[in-house]
Protein backbone atom coordinates (compact mmCIF):
# COMPACT_ATOMS: atom_id res chain seq x y z
CA UNK A 1 77.04 -56.27 -3.48
CA UNK A 2 75.47 -59.49 -4.69
CA UNK A 3 73.31 -62.41 -3.77
CA UNK A 4 74.70 -65.88 -3.99
CA UNK A 5 73.08 -69.29 -4.33
CA UNK A 6 73.68 -72.44 -2.35
CA UNK A 7 76.66 -73.54 -4.42
CA UNK A 8 78.45 -70.25 -3.85
CA UNK A 9 77.49 -70.35 -0.19
CA UNK A 10 79.21 -73.70 0.20
CA UNK A 11 82.21 -72.40 -1.72
CA UNK A 12 82.53 -69.38 0.56
CA UNK A 13 82.43 -71.54 3.66
CA UNK A 14 85.23 -73.71 2.28
CA UNK A 15 87.27 -70.76 1.04
CA UNK A 16 87.06 -68.82 4.30
CA UNK A 17 87.83 -71.75 6.57
CA UNK A 18 84.45 -71.65 8.32
CA UNK A 19 83.78 -75.35 8.55
CA UNK A 20 85.87 -75.94 5.47
CA UNK A 21 88.98 -77.41 7.10
CA UNK A 22 89.48 -81.12 7.48
CA UNK A 23 88.22 -81.20 11.02
CA UNK A 24 84.79 -82.52 11.78
CA UNK A 25 82.13 -80.00 12.74
CA UNK A 26 81.11 -82.33 15.57
CA UNK A 27 82.89 -82.44 18.89
CA UNK A 28 80.22 -84.74 20.35
CA UNK A 29 76.85 -86.22 19.43
CA UNK A 30 75.08 -83.00 20.34
CA UNK A 31 77.10 -80.77 18.02
CA UNK A 32 75.11 -79.13 15.25
CA UNK A 33 76.14 -79.61 11.63
CA UNK A 34 76.25 -76.70 9.20
CA UNK A 35 73.18 -76.44 7.00
CA UNK A 36 72.68 -74.09 4.06
CA UNK A 37 69.96 -71.60 3.35
CA UNK A 38 68.69 -70.41 -0.01
CA UNK A 39 70.54 -67.11 -0.19
CA UNK A 40 72.75 -64.86 1.84
CA UNK A 41 74.66 -61.66 1.16
CA UNK A 42 78.35 -60.83 0.92
CA UNK A 43 79.86 -57.51 1.94
CA UNK A 44 83.07 -56.11 0.49
CA UNK A 45 84.53 -54.27 3.50
CA UNK A 46 87.21 -52.61 1.35
CA UNK A 47 84.69 -50.87 -0.92
CA UNK A 48 83.32 -47.33 -0.66
CA UNK A 49 79.51 -47.30 -0.84
CA UNK A 50 77.12 -44.44 -1.69
CA UNK A 51 75.52 -42.60 1.21
CA UNK A 52 71.87 -43.14 2.17
CA UNK A 53 70.18 -40.72 4.57
CA UNK A 54 67.49 -42.21 6.81
CA UNK A 55 65.06 -40.90 9.43
CA UNK A 56 64.64 -43.22 12.41
CA UNK A 57 60.87 -42.73 12.64
CA UNK A 58 60.42 -43.67 8.97
CA UNK A 59 61.54 -47.24 9.57
CA UNK A 60 61.16 -47.91 13.30
CA UNK A 61 58.72 -47.13 16.10
CA UNK A 62 60.24 -45.03 18.87
CA UNK A 63 59.13 -44.90 22.51
CA UNK A 64 60.55 -42.73 25.31
CA UNK A 65 60.43 -43.89 28.93
CA UNK A 66 61.41 -41.44 31.71
CA UNK A 67 62.57 -43.53 34.67
CA UNK A 68 60.84 -42.42 37.86
CA UNK A 69 63.12 -40.25 39.99
CA UNK A 70 62.60 -40.75 43.71
CA UNK A 71 65.13 -41.13 46.52
CA UNK A 72 64.65 -44.92 46.42
CA UNK A 73 64.97 -45.25 42.66
CA UNK A 74 67.69 -42.77 41.73
CA UNK A 75 70.05 -44.64 39.41
CA UNK A 76 72.53 -44.26 36.58
CA UNK A 77 70.14 -45.87 34.12
CA UNK A 78 72.26 -48.71 32.75
CA UNK A 79 69.52 -50.83 31.15
CA UNK A 80 70.15 -54.57 31.30
CA UNK A 81 66.91 -56.04 29.97
CA UNK A 82 63.49 -54.89 28.80
CA UNK A 83 60.61 -57.32 28.99
CA UNK A 84 57.00 -56.86 28.03
CA UNK A 85 56.13 -55.56 31.51
CA UNK A 86 59.36 -54.66 33.34
CA UNK A 87 62.75 -53.01 32.81
CA UNK A 88 65.91 -54.10 34.66
CA UNK A 89 68.45 -51.35 35.40
CA UNK A 90 71.73 -51.19 37.29
CA UNK A 91 74.44 -48.61 37.96
CA UNK A 92 77.83 -48.26 36.33
CA UNK A 93 79.53 -48.54 39.73
CA UNK A 94 79.62 -52.00 41.27
CA UNK A 95 77.26 -51.23 44.16
CA UNK A 96 75.12 -54.33 43.57
CA UNK A 97 71.80 -52.51 43.17
CA UNK A 98 69.32 -53.94 40.65
CA UNK A 99 66.29 -51.73 39.95
CA UNK A 100 62.99 -52.97 38.53
CA UNK A 101 60.77 -50.45 36.72
CA UNK A 102 57.54 -51.09 34.87
CA UNK A 103 57.32 -50.37 31.16
CA UNK A 104 56.08 -46.83 31.87
CA UNK A 105 59.17 -46.13 33.97
CA UNK A 106 57.52 -46.35 37.40
CA UNK A 107 59.79 -47.81 40.06
CA UNK A 108 58.47 -51.12 41.36
CA UNK A 109 61.25 -52.40 43.62
CA UNK A 110 64.99 -52.88 43.89
CA UNK A 111 67.21 -55.47 45.51
CA UNK A 112 70.87 -55.93 46.32
CA UNK A 113 72.40 -59.36 46.94
CA UNK A 114 76.03 -58.30 46.72
CA UNK A 115 78.26 -60.28 49.04
CA UNK A 116 80.52 -63.30 49.46
CA UNK A 117 77.86 -65.90 50.23
CA UNK A 118 76.72 -68.77 48.02
CA UNK A 119 73.43 -66.95 47.30
CA UNK A 120 75.14 -63.62 46.60
CA UNK A 121 77.08 -62.05 43.75
CA UNK A 122 80.45 -60.32 44.00
CA UNK A 123 79.79 -58.47 40.75
CA UNK A 124 76.54 -57.95 38.87
CA UNK A 125 78.40 -57.50 35.59
CA UNK A 126 75.55 -58.67 33.41
CA UNK A 127 71.86 -59.04 34.26
CA UNK A 128 69.27 -60.63 31.99
CA UNK A 129 65.68 -61.73 32.21
CA UNK A 130 63.30 -64.62 31.61
CA UNK A 131 60.06 -62.75 32.14
CA UNK A 132 57.77 -65.72 31.44
CA UNK A 133 59.39 -67.68 34.26
CA UNK A 134 59.74 -64.63 36.50
CA UNK A 135 63.50 -65.14 36.78
CA UNK A 136 66.43 -62.70 36.83
CA UNK A 137 69.92 -63.97 35.98
CA UNK A 138 73.00 -62.24 37.38
CA UNK A 139 76.21 -63.24 35.63
CA UNK A 140 79.35 -62.65 37.69
CA UNK A 141 81.47 -63.85 34.73
CA UNK A 142 84.28 -64.93 37.04
CA UNK A 143 82.14 -67.40 39.02
CA UNK A 144 78.54 -68.44 38.48
CA UNK A 145 75.23 -67.24 37.13
CA UNK A 146 72.88 -66.67 40.06
CA UNK A 147 69.13 -66.90 39.54
CA UNK A 148 66.61 -64.82 41.52
CA UNK A 149 62.89 -64.23 41.31
CA UNK A 150 61.51 -60.79 40.49
CA UNK A 151 61.68 -59.84 44.19
CA UNK A 152 65.36 -60.74 44.63
CA UNK A 153 64.78 -64.08 46.34
CA UNK A 154 67.53 -66.58 45.54
CA UNK A 155 66.46 -69.58 43.47
CA UNK A 156 69.61 -71.43 42.33
CA UNK A 157 73.17 -71.28 41.01
CA UNK A 158 74.16 -72.18 37.45
CA UNK A 159 77.77 -73.36 37.65
CA UNK A 160 80.41 -73.08 34.97
CA UNK A 161 81.64 -76.64 34.74
CA UNK A 162 83.45 -78.26 31.82
CA UNK A 163 83.34 -75.19 29.57
CA UNK A 164 84.34 -71.78 30.96
CA UNK A 165 81.70 -69.77 29.12
CA UNK A 166 81.03 -66.05 28.96
CA UNK A 167 78.64 -63.62 27.20
CA UNK A 168 75.60 -65.58 28.40
CA UNK A 169 72.16 -64.59 27.11
CA UNK A 170 68.65 -65.91 27.48
CA UNK A 171 68.15 -68.35 24.57
CA UNK A 172 64.66 -69.68 25.37
CA UNK A 173 62.66 -71.01 28.33
CA UNK A 174 65.06 -73.92 28.82
CA UNK A 175 68.52 -72.75 27.79
CA UNK A 176 71.10 -70.02 28.02
CA UNK A 177 73.43 -69.40 25.09
CA UNK A 178 77.08 -68.45 25.59
CA UNK A 179 80.56 -68.82 24.12
CA UNK A 180 83.73 -70.37 25.44
CA UNK A 181 86.01 -67.89 27.19
CA UNK A 182 89.24 -67.03 25.32
CA UNK A 183 91.13 -67.73 28.55
CA UNK A 184 89.82 -71.31 28.47
CA UNK A 185 91.30 -71.77 24.99
CA UNK A 186 94.88 -71.13 26.03
CA UNK A 187 97.06 -74.14 25.33
CA UNK A 188 94.36 -75.69 23.14
CA UNK A 189 93.82 -76.01 19.43
CA UNK A 190 92.26 -72.57 18.94
CA UNK A 191 91.31 -72.60 15.27
CA UNK A 192 87.64 -72.60 16.24
CA UNK A 193 85.22 -70.77 18.51
CA UNK A 194 82.84 -72.83 20.62
CA UNK A 195 79.29 -71.69 21.39
CA UNK A 196 77.11 -73.63 23.81
CA UNK A 197 73.52 -74.04 24.96
CA UNK A 198 73.34 -74.43 28.74
CA UNK A 199 70.54 -75.88 30.85
CA UNK A 200 68.98 -73.23 33.07
CA UNK A 201 68.34 -75.85 35.74
CA UNK A 202 71.71 -77.54 36.24
CA UNK A 203 74.24 -75.77 34.02
CA UNK A 204 74.87 -78.78 31.81
CA UNK A 205 75.99 -78.22 28.22
CA UNK A 206 73.15 -79.63 26.11
CA UNK A 207 74.36 -78.61 22.65
CA UNK A 208 77.36 -76.93 21.10
CA UNK A 209 78.32 -75.23 17.85
CA UNK A 210 81.78 -74.54 16.42
CA UNK A 211 82.86 -71.87 13.98
CA UNK A 212 86.21 -72.68 12.34
CA UNK A 213 88.82 -70.28 11.01
CA UNK A 214 92.36 -70.45 9.65
CA UNK A 215 94.05 -68.63 12.51
CA UNK A 216 93.04 -66.32 15.32
CA UNK A 217 92.97 -62.65 14.36
CA UNK A 218 93.64 -60.63 17.49
CA UNK A 219 91.26 -57.82 18.37
CA UNK A 220 93.98 -55.70 19.94
CA UNK A 221 96.81 -53.98 18.08
CA UNK A 222 100.22 -52.49 18.81
CA UNK A 223 101.15 -49.25 17.09
CA UNK A 224 104.58 -47.99 16.02
CA UNK A 225 105.17 -46.28 19.36
CA UNK A 226 104.87 -49.61 21.12
CA UNK A 227 101.58 -48.79 22.80
CA UNK A 228 99.11 -51.64 22.92
CA UNK A 229 95.35 -51.28 23.05
CA UNK A 230 92.11 -52.65 21.71
CA UNK A 231 88.83 -51.46 20.33
CA UNK A 232 85.65 -52.41 22.23
CA UNK A 233 85.09 -56.11 21.68
CA UNK A 234 82.11 -57.08 19.53
CA UNK A 235 79.24 -58.95 21.09
CA UNK A 236 79.48 -62.43 19.50
CA UNK A 237 75.84 -63.53 20.02
CA UNK A 238 73.26 -61.32 18.31
CA UNK A 239 69.46 -61.76 18.47
CA UNK A 240 67.86 -62.19 15.07
CA UNK A 241 64.04 -62.40 14.98
CA UNK A 242 63.24 -66.06 15.80
CA UNK A 243 66.88 -67.13 16.12
CA UNK A 244 70.40 -65.94 16.87
CA UNK A 245 73.48 -64.93 14.92
CA UNK A 246 76.91 -66.23 15.94
CA UNK A 247 80.02 -64.26 15.06
CA UNK A 248 83.71 -64.99 15.39
CA UNK A 249 85.80 -62.03 14.15
CA UNK A 250 88.47 -64.40 12.77
CA UNK A 251 85.91 -65.98 10.46
CA UNK A 252 84.63 -64.59 7.17
CA UNK A 253 81.13 -65.99 7.68
CA UNK A 254 78.43 -65.06 10.19
CA UNK A 255 76.12 -67.94 11.08
CA UNK A 256 72.52 -68.20 12.16
CA UNK A 257 70.97 -70.62 14.66
CA UNK A 258 67.32 -71.38 13.92
CA UNK A 259 64.68 -72.55 16.37
CA UNK A 260 65.34 -76.15 15.31
CA UNK A 261 69.00 -75.68 16.34
CA UNK A 262 70.31 -75.88 12.78
CA UNK A 263 73.36 -73.75 11.98
CA UNK A 264 73.49 -72.05 8.58
CA UNK A 265 75.61 -69.34 6.91
CA UNK A 266 73.85 -66.00 7.07
CA UNK A 267 76.31 -63.40 5.79
CA UNK A 268 79.86 -63.38 4.40
CA UNK A 269 82.53 -60.73 4.03
CA UNK A 270 85.29 -60.16 1.52
CA UNK A 271 88.26 -59.82 1.29
CA UNK A 272 89.15 -62.46 3.81
CA UNK A 273 89.91 -61.12 7.29
CA UNK A 274 92.97 -63.39 7.23
CA UNK A 275 94.46 -61.37 4.35
CA UNK A 276 93.90 -57.81 5.62
CA UNK A 277 96.48 -55.56 7.27
CA UNK A 278 95.19 -53.66 9.09
CA UNK A 279 92.28 -55.96 9.83
CA UNK A 280 88.79 -54.66 9.06
CA UNK A 281 86.07 -56.41 11.05
CA UNK A 282 82.44 -56.66 9.94
CA UNK A 283 79.93 -56.58 12.80
CA UNK A 284 76.20 -57.29 12.34
CA UNK A 285 73.89 -54.98 14.26
CA UNK A 286 70.12 -54.70 13.66
CA UNK A 287 67.97 -56.49 11.07
CA UNK A 288 64.55 -55.26 10.00
CA UNK A 289 62.24 -56.63 7.31
CA UNK A 290 63.86 -54.32 4.78
CA UNK A 291 67.26 -53.31 6.16
CA UNK A 292 70.33 -55.11 7.47
CA UNK A 293 72.37 -52.66 9.56
CA UNK A 294 76.03 -53.37 10.26
CA UNK A 295 79.33 -51.63 10.84
CA UNK A 296 83.00 -52.10 10.07
CA UNK A 297 85.86 -51.35 12.48
CA UNK A 298 89.40 -50.88 11.21
CA UNK A 299 92.24 -51.89 13.52
CA UNK A 300 94.21 -48.66 13.25
CA UNK A 301 94.83 -46.33 16.18
CA UNK A 302 97.09 -43.69 17.67
CA UNK A 303 96.92 -44.31 21.40
CA UNK A 304 99.01 -41.27 22.29
CA UNK A 305 96.38 -39.06 20.67
CA UNK A 306 93.51 -41.26 21.79
CA UNK A 307 92.46 -41.62 18.16
CA UNK A 308 91.63 -44.55 16.00
CA UNK A 309 89.52 -47.59 15.29
CA UNK A 310 87.51 -45.80 12.57
CA UNK A 311 84.01 -47.14 12.03
CA UNK A 312 81.82 -47.18 8.95
CA UNK A 313 78.06 -47.61 9.29
CA UNK A 314 76.64 -49.82 6.53
CA UNK A 315 73.13 -50.88 5.57
CA UNK A 316 71.93 -53.46 3.07
CA UNK A 317 68.61 -52.43 1.50
CA UNK A 318 66.75 -55.62 0.55
CA UNK A 319 64.25 -53.72 -1.60
CA UNK A 320 67.02 -52.12 -3.69
CA UNK A 321 69.34 -55.14 -3.35
CA UNK A 322 72.23 -52.74 -2.64
CA UNK A 323 74.66 -51.72 0.07
CA UNK A 324 75.06 -48.17 1.36
CA UNK A 325 76.83 -46.20 4.00
CA UNK A 326 74.12 -44.61 6.08
CA UNK A 327 73.47 -41.70 8.34
CA UNK A 328 70.30 -41.80 10.43
CA UNK A 329 68.71 -38.96 12.38
CA UNK A 330 66.16 -39.03 15.18
CA UNK A 331 63.41 -36.70 13.96
CA UNK A 332 62.58 -35.79 17.58
CA UNK A 333 66.15 -34.62 18.28
CA UNK A 334 67.96 -34.14 14.94
CA UNK A 335 70.56 -31.72 16.33
CA UNK A 336 72.06 -34.50 18.46
CA UNK A 337 73.48 -36.05 15.30
CA UNK A 338 73.31 -39.52 13.75
CA UNK A 339 71.80 -42.51 15.53
CA UNK A 340 73.97 -45.59 15.06
CA UNK A 341 72.33 -48.95 15.49
CA UNK A 342 74.12 -51.12 18.02
CA UNK A 343 74.14 -54.80 18.96
CA UNK A 344 72.23 -55.59 22.13
CA UNK A 345 70.87 -58.68 23.82
CA UNK A 346 67.12 -58.39 24.26
CA UNK A 347 64.56 -60.90 25.44
CA UNK A 348 61.77 -58.83 23.94
CA UNK A 349 61.36 -59.56 20.23
CA UNK A 350 59.56 -56.25 19.59
CA UNK A 351 62.61 -54.19 20.58
CA UNK A 352 65.61 -53.68 18.31
CA UNK A 353 67.72 -51.70 20.80
CA UNK A 354 67.63 -48.98 23.40
CA UNK A 355 69.67 -45.89 24.24
CA UNK A 356 70.07 -43.88 27.42
CA UNK A 357 69.37 -40.14 27.14
CA UNK A 358 70.87 -37.97 29.87
CA UNK A 359 68.60 -35.38 31.59
CA UNK A 360 71.04 -32.45 31.35
CA UNK A 361 71.36 -33.01 27.60
CA UNK A 362 67.60 -33.05 27.10
CA UNK A 363 67.06 -30.01 29.34
CA UNK A 364 69.60 -28.02 27.33
CA UNK A 365 68.07 -29.14 24.01
CA UNK A 366 64.58 -28.23 25.26
CA UNK A 367 65.75 -24.74 26.20
CA UNK A 368 67.12 -24.31 22.66
CA UNK A 369 63.88 -25.52 21.06
CA UNK A 370 65.56 -28.57 19.52
CA UNK A 371 63.08 -31.25 20.64
CA UNK A 372 59.78 -32.43 19.20
CA UNK A 373 56.79 -34.57 20.11
CA UNK A 374 56.71 -36.75 23.20
CA UNK A 375 60.41 -36.24 23.88
CA UNK A 376 59.80 -32.48 24.15
CA UNK A 377 56.97 -33.04 26.65
CA UNK A 378 59.15 -35.33 28.77
CA UNK A 379 62.10 -32.92 28.76
CA UNK A 380 59.85 -30.12 30.00
CA UNK A 381 59.36 -32.04 33.27
CA UNK A 382 62.98 -33.09 33.86
CA UNK A 383 65.30 -31.82 36.57
CA UNK A 384 69.10 -31.93 36.49
CA UNK A 385 69.09 -34.78 39.05
CA UNK A 386 66.36 -36.80 37.29
CA UNK A 387 66.96 -40.36 36.18
CA UNK A 388 67.83 -40.89 32.51
CA UNK A 389 65.20 -41.25 29.80
CA UNK A 390 65.29 -44.54 27.91
CA UNK A 391 64.69 -44.47 24.16
CA UNK A 392 63.26 -47.75 22.87
CA UNK A 393 63.61 -48.44 19.16
CA UNK A 394 61.05 -51.06 18.11
CA UNK A 395 60.61 -53.11 14.97
CA UNK A 396 57.94 -52.10 12.48
CA UNK A 397 56.41 -54.47 9.96
CA UNK A 398 57.17 -53.23 6.46
CA UNK A 399 55.81 -54.47 3.13
CA UNK A 400 58.63 -54.75 0.61
């Protein structure tokens, strides 16, 4: 584990093919150029690191929200967005329901605009929020992004035009951020991944960013028995404090977009992904003032046994300037086992991530005396048919 200066940063970009090939980093006048920052870290994904044990409550603030359970608001608790005042939830099944709870878990309203019409969605695959504008965005992925107010009234369509983009998120009050769909790259020069900023008003591409790589490293694998499969795909656009991180698994460098739209290298990995068999991917997760949490996924699997894709949870401790494997326990429910930080899109900068806690699991743990604090009090009131409890993990300011 080491820190590197600007010269080494530039060298790594060239060596890994991230902006270092002979192609221009500008596809049009709006394309951002790669800037450098003072320092960034490199992670050797082939190395074994010492173990660090952490307690969630020692580094983060934790809040539990029991979603109100009434006939009108019974749901499967798939959280889509958490604002400062409301929570958006949907079901796993494609029934079209979108539930709106307040931040205490009280049901406010729900709406369903599923249908074939121009103001309706066929699928509500992804739902995100611009709370300041009072707008809810429903991404069908296969067609458009439909925009509604907080009462489900249709406002407008955002059409996918020149770039077939996916993985849309709320960038700021004016733009969405997304990446070009892999299906749109077929038949093209695919040694780069395109990310775009999209106008919320008309769907126009207002700015784009490209991450270059030597060749595409496929996320799926085929084992010796001829069975083909893939690990869960990483989310390529990760919120990072006042900006965003952009990741292409075929690249050795993870980049950051700042508020001024500059693109700079944030983190690098070694050895090169292009040289590894099986491939080991490095995925950024959650970043606090002291810790950078991440994980690696190795592309090895036995599909007949339903085994494989081993993961390693890593953390970079800025105070100790060292990398560790980590195991983290929730002090309110330690018997459940380690809490692994995950990548999530969130429009609320105070929240790192959230997890759904099933009622039957909490009821059983309560009966065994395994719960503490507020979580114990909530579990005492749950019924088997209650809605899930949402655990919010929030950033805490730490002095290094």
